[in-house]
Protein backbone atom coordinates (compact mmCIF):
# COMPACT_ATOMS: atom_id res chain seq x y z
CA MET A 1 -0.03 0.13 -0.01
CA GLY A 2 2.75 2.30 0.92
CA LEU A 3 2.46 5.26 3.39
CA SER A 4 0.79 8.64 2.42
CA VAL A 5 1.34 10.38 5.95
CA ILE A 6 4.04 9.81 8.49
CA GLY A 7 3.32 11.14 11.99
CA ALA A 8 6.45 12.22 13.57
CA GLY A 9 4.90 13.51 17.10
CA PHE A 10 5.65 11.90 20.32
CA GLY A 11 2.79 10.31 22.13
CA ARG A 12 0.45 12.63 24.26
CA THR A 13 0.58 15.31 21.52
CA GLY A 14 -2.95 14.45 20.32
CA THR A 15 -1.82 11.32 18.22
CA LEU A 16 -5.11 9.26 18.75
CA SER A 17 -7.18 12.27 17.53
CA LEU A 18 -4.94 12.70 14.56
CA LYS A 19 -5.15 9.01 13.81
CA LEU A 20 -9.13 9.19 13.81
CA ALA A 21 -8.77 12.36 11.83
CA LEU A 22 -6.70 10.77 8.99
CA GLU A 23 -8.95 7.84 8.90
CA GLU A 24 -11.89 10.26 8.42
CA LEU A 25 -9.93 11.85 5.59
CA GLY A 26 -9.55 8.42 3.80
CA LEU A 27 -5.97 8.17 4.91
CA GLY A 28 -6.49 5.02 6.87
CA PRO A 29 -6.07 2.63 8.15
CA CYS A 30 -3.60 4.52 10.48
CA HIS A 31 -1.00 2.76 12.64
CA HIS A 32 -1.00 4.10 16.28
CA MET A 33 0.10 2.22 19.53
CA GLU A 34 -3.58 0.90 19.58
CA GLU A 35 -2.73 -1.15 16.65
CA VAL A 36 0.09 -2.83 18.53
CA MET A 37 -2.34 -3.59 21.38
CA ALA A 38 -4.82 -5.04 18.95
CA HIS A 39 -2.15 -6.90 16.94
CA PRO A 40 0.48 -8.19 19.41
CA GLU A 41 2.20 -10.15 16.63
CA GLN A 42 3.69 -6.68 15.68
CA ILE A 43 5.46 -6.54 19.11
CA PRO A 44 8.49 -8.55 18.18
CA VAL A 45 9.10 -6.60 15.00
CA TRP A 46 8.94 -3.16 16.80
CA HIS A 47 11.19 -4.52 19.52
CA ALA A 48 13.72 -5.53 16.87
CA ALA A 49 13.46 -1.95 15.36
CA GLY A 50 14.16 -0.67 18.94
CA ARG A 51 17.30 -2.69 19.22
CA GLY A 52 18.60 -1.25 15.83
CA GLU A 53 17.94 -4.69 13.95
CA PRO A 54 16.83 -4.30 10.18
CA VAL A 55 13.16 -4.18 9.77
CA ASP A 56 10.90 -4.82 6.54
CA TRP A 57 8.84 -1.74 6.84
CA ASP A 58 6.75 -2.63 3.88
CA ALA A 59 5.88 -5.84 5.50
CA LEU A 60 5.22 -4.43 8.99
CA LEU A 61 3.03 -1.50 7.57
CA ARG A 62 1.53 -3.17 4.60
CA ASP A 63 -2.03 -2.77 5.89
CA TYR A 64 -1.67 1.10 6.73
CA ARG A 65 -1.70 4.25 4.65
CA SER A 66 -0.45 6.45 7.57
CA THR A 67 1.26 6.32 11.04
CA VAL A 68 1.16 8.31 14.06
CA ASP A 69 2.33 7.84 17.74
CA TRP A 70 4.98 5.71 19.13
CA PRO A 71 6.55 3.20 18.22
CA SER A 72 6.46 4.40 14.46
CA ALA A 73 7.15 8.15 15.39
CA GLN A 74 10.45 7.00 16.77
CA PHE A 75 11.41 5.83 13.43
CA TRP A 76 10.37 9.06 11.55
CA ARG A 77 13.68 9.11 9.63
CA GLU A 78 13.62 5.61 8.51
CA LEU A 79 9.83 5.95 7.38
CA ALA A 80 10.55 9.28 5.57
CA ASP A 81 13.37 7.86 3.61
CA ARG A 82 11.44 4.56 2.88
CA TYR A 83 8.50 6.46 1.78
CA PRO A 84 9.82 9.60 0.04
CA VAL A 85 6.54 10.89 -1.36
CA ALA A 86 4.78 10.50 2.18
CA LYS A 87 3.99 13.82 3.97
CA VAL A 88 5.26 14.33 7.45
CA VAL A 89 2.95 15.70 10.28
CA LEU A 90 4.71 16.75 13.38
CA THR A 91 2.18 17.20 16.24
CA VAL A 92 3.55 19.49 18.94
CA ARG A 93 2.43 20.77 22.29
CA ASP A 94 3.53 23.13 24.99
CA PRO A 95 6.24 21.13 26.64
CA GLU A 96 5.05 21.65 30.21
CA ARG A 97 1.64 20.56 29.20
CA TRP A 98 2.97 17.80 27.35
CA TYR A 99 5.07 16.51 30.40
CA GLU A 100 2.23 16.73 32.69
CA SER A 101 0.14 14.52 30.29
CA PHE A 102 3.07 12.30 29.61
CA SER A 103 4.14 11.89 33.23
CA LYS A 104 0.65 10.79 34.31
CA THR A 105 0.09 8.25 31.51
CA ILE A 106 2.93 6.70 29.41
CA LEU A 107 5.66 7.39 32.18
CA VAL A 108 3.56 5.86 34.98
CA LEU A 109 2.85 2.75 32.70
CA MET A 110 6.66 2.31 31.82
CA GLN A 111 7.74 2.66 35.43
CA ALA A 112 5.27 -0.04 36.69
CA ARG A 113 5.94 -2.84 34.19
CA ASP A 114 5.58 -5.43 36.59
CA ALA A 115 2.13 -4.51 37.57
CA ALA A 116 1.04 -4.68 33.84
CA PRO A 117 -2.67 -5.65 33.60
CA ASN A 118 -2.06 -8.46 31.17
CA PRO A 119 0.61 -10.12 28.94
CA THR A 120 0.17 -7.97 25.90
CA ILE A 121 0.73 -4.88 27.75
CA ARG A 122 3.76 -6.22 29.63
CA ALA A 123 5.30 -7.27 26.11
CA ILE A 124 4.49 -3.81 24.77
CA LEU A 125 6.08 -2.13 27.91
CA ASP A 126 9.21 -4.49 27.41
CA MET A 127 9.49 -3.06 23.74
CA THR A 128 9.08 0.64 24.81
CA VAL A 129 12.11 0.30 27.01
CA ASP A 130 14.17 0.18 23.81
CA VAL A 131 11.93 2.28 21.53
CA ILE A 132 11.15 4.93 23.87
CA ALA A 133 13.19 4.92 27.19
CA LYS A 134 16.57 4.41 25.36
CA ARG A 135 15.95 5.96 21.78
CA ALA A 136 13.77 9.08 22.76
CA PHE A 137 14.99 9.84 26.27
CA ASP A 138 18.36 8.33 26.38
CA ASN A 139 17.25 6.38 29.64
CA GLN A 140 16.92 9.64 31.62
CA LEU A 141 13.11 9.38 32.34
CA GLN A 142 13.81 10.00 35.94
CA ASP A 143 14.66 13.68 35.18
CA PRO A 144 11.83 15.84 34.07
CA ALA A 145 14.09 18.55 32.75
CA LYS A 146 15.99 16.15 30.50
CA VAL A 147 12.66 14.46 29.42
CA LYS A 148 11.41 18.05 28.39
CA ALA A 149 14.62 18.72 26.67
CA ALA A 150 14.36 15.52 24.65
CA PHE A 151 10.90 16.50 23.60
CA GLU A 152 12.02 19.72 22.45
CA ARG A 153 15.03 18.53 20.74
CA HIS A 154 12.93 16.04 18.81
CA ILE A 155 10.82 18.75 17.38
CA ASP A 156 13.76 20.70 16.26
CA GLU A 157 15.46 17.65 14.65
CA VAL A 158 12.31 16.79 12.54
CA LYS A 159 12.03 20.53 11.60
CA ALA A 160 15.63 20.65 10.60
CA THR A 161 15.42 17.44 8.53
CA ILE A 162 12.27 17.43 6.69
CA PRO A 163 11.87 19.99 3.90
CA ALA A 164 9.17 22.65 4.78
CA GLY A 165 6.99 21.86 1.87
CA ARG A 166 6.74 18.09 3.10
CA LEU A 167 6.26 18.89 6.78
CA LEU A 168 3.23 20.38 8.77
CA LEU A 169 3.93 21.49 12.34
CA TYR A 170 0.51 20.86 13.90
CA GLN A 171 -1.52 21.23 17.09
CA VAL A 172 -4.57 19.22 17.25
CA SER A 173 -6.28 22.09 18.87
CA GLU A 174 -6.15 23.81 15.39
CA GLY A 175 -8.65 21.34 14.01
CA TRP A 176 -9.38 20.48 10.42
CA ALA A 177 -8.19 23.60 8.45
CA PRO A 178 -4.34 23.33 8.55
CA LEU A 179 -4.29 19.59 8.50
CA CYS A 180 -6.81 19.32 5.32
CA GLY A 181 -5.07 22.30 3.55
CA PHE A 182 -1.82 20.50 3.93
CA LEU A 183 -3.02 17.08 2.67
CA GLY A 184 -5.24 18.63 0.00
CA LYS A 185 -8.44 17.24 1.41
CA PRO A 186 -11.78 19.05 1.83
CA ILE A 187 -12.76 19.95 5.40
CA PRO A 188 -15.28 17.38 6.63
CA ALA A 189 -18.72 18.67 8.03
CA THR A 190 -18.17 16.53 11.25
CA PRO A 191 -16.38 17.91 14.33
CA PHE A 192 -12.47 17.19 14.60
CA PRO A 193 -12.05 14.26 16.78
CA ARG A 194 -11.13 14.85 20.36
CA THR A 195 -10.09 11.81 22.33
CA ASN A 196 -7.58 9.95 24.70
CA SER A 197 -7.71 12.15 27.63
CA THR A 198 -5.92 10.94 30.71
CA PRO A 199 -9.01 8.75 31.91
CA GLU A 200 -9.64 7.46 28.42
CA PHE A 201 -5.90 6.53 28.20
CA TRP A 202 -6.04 4.32 31.32
CA GLU A 203 -9.38 2.71 30.12
CA LEU A 204 -7.82 1.76 26.83
CA ILE A 205 -4.81 0.21 28.79
CA GLN A 206 -7.19 -1.79 31.04
CA ASN A 207 -9.07 -3.19 27.96
CA ALA A 208 -6.05 -4.02 25.75
CA GLY A 209 -5.32 -7.65 25.42
CA ASN A 210 -8.60 -8.90 27.31
CA PRO A 211 -11.08 -10.74 25.68
CA ALA A 212 -14.10 -8.79 24.39
């Protein structure tokens, strides 16, 4: 299928809302950490990528037209090189507000791997040690200042690497207009999706990997 859109923003920058928006615009299915929870067979491949092993991106992402969120956001360089016609959306957020959200959700979960609610979440958290803790934050998750600095450094690196015409710097609070303009899509009549608040995050985690 090949990717049309690559999301380069870290988790907790509105990535689930962006996933739903891209799918509404006809650019789905969109890969998000939710997809890893729904398809745990992907976990070893993402874990291998986190360890720096070769990955067949075409095989891993063959069912998707777009990607957002971790783990794929950590490999924005590789994906941008592999899919040179794909546009890149970098979701951003005020660093202080981002850290507040990150520290109450993803960080809590990563620091409590032994208490994971089920084996799927535990396997995902083992993968995130390599993909997120090491690659994104240089194993310095205990230091809020360094975590926020890594967040800002990531934004700067994407902006410095991806040509301006291929990159949208985007806050989901901006809604449809900038996203649709960048992607050449008409603005839907429906409201822009707003989801994955902190309570919704924890509900998703509790339900992941459990029988319906």
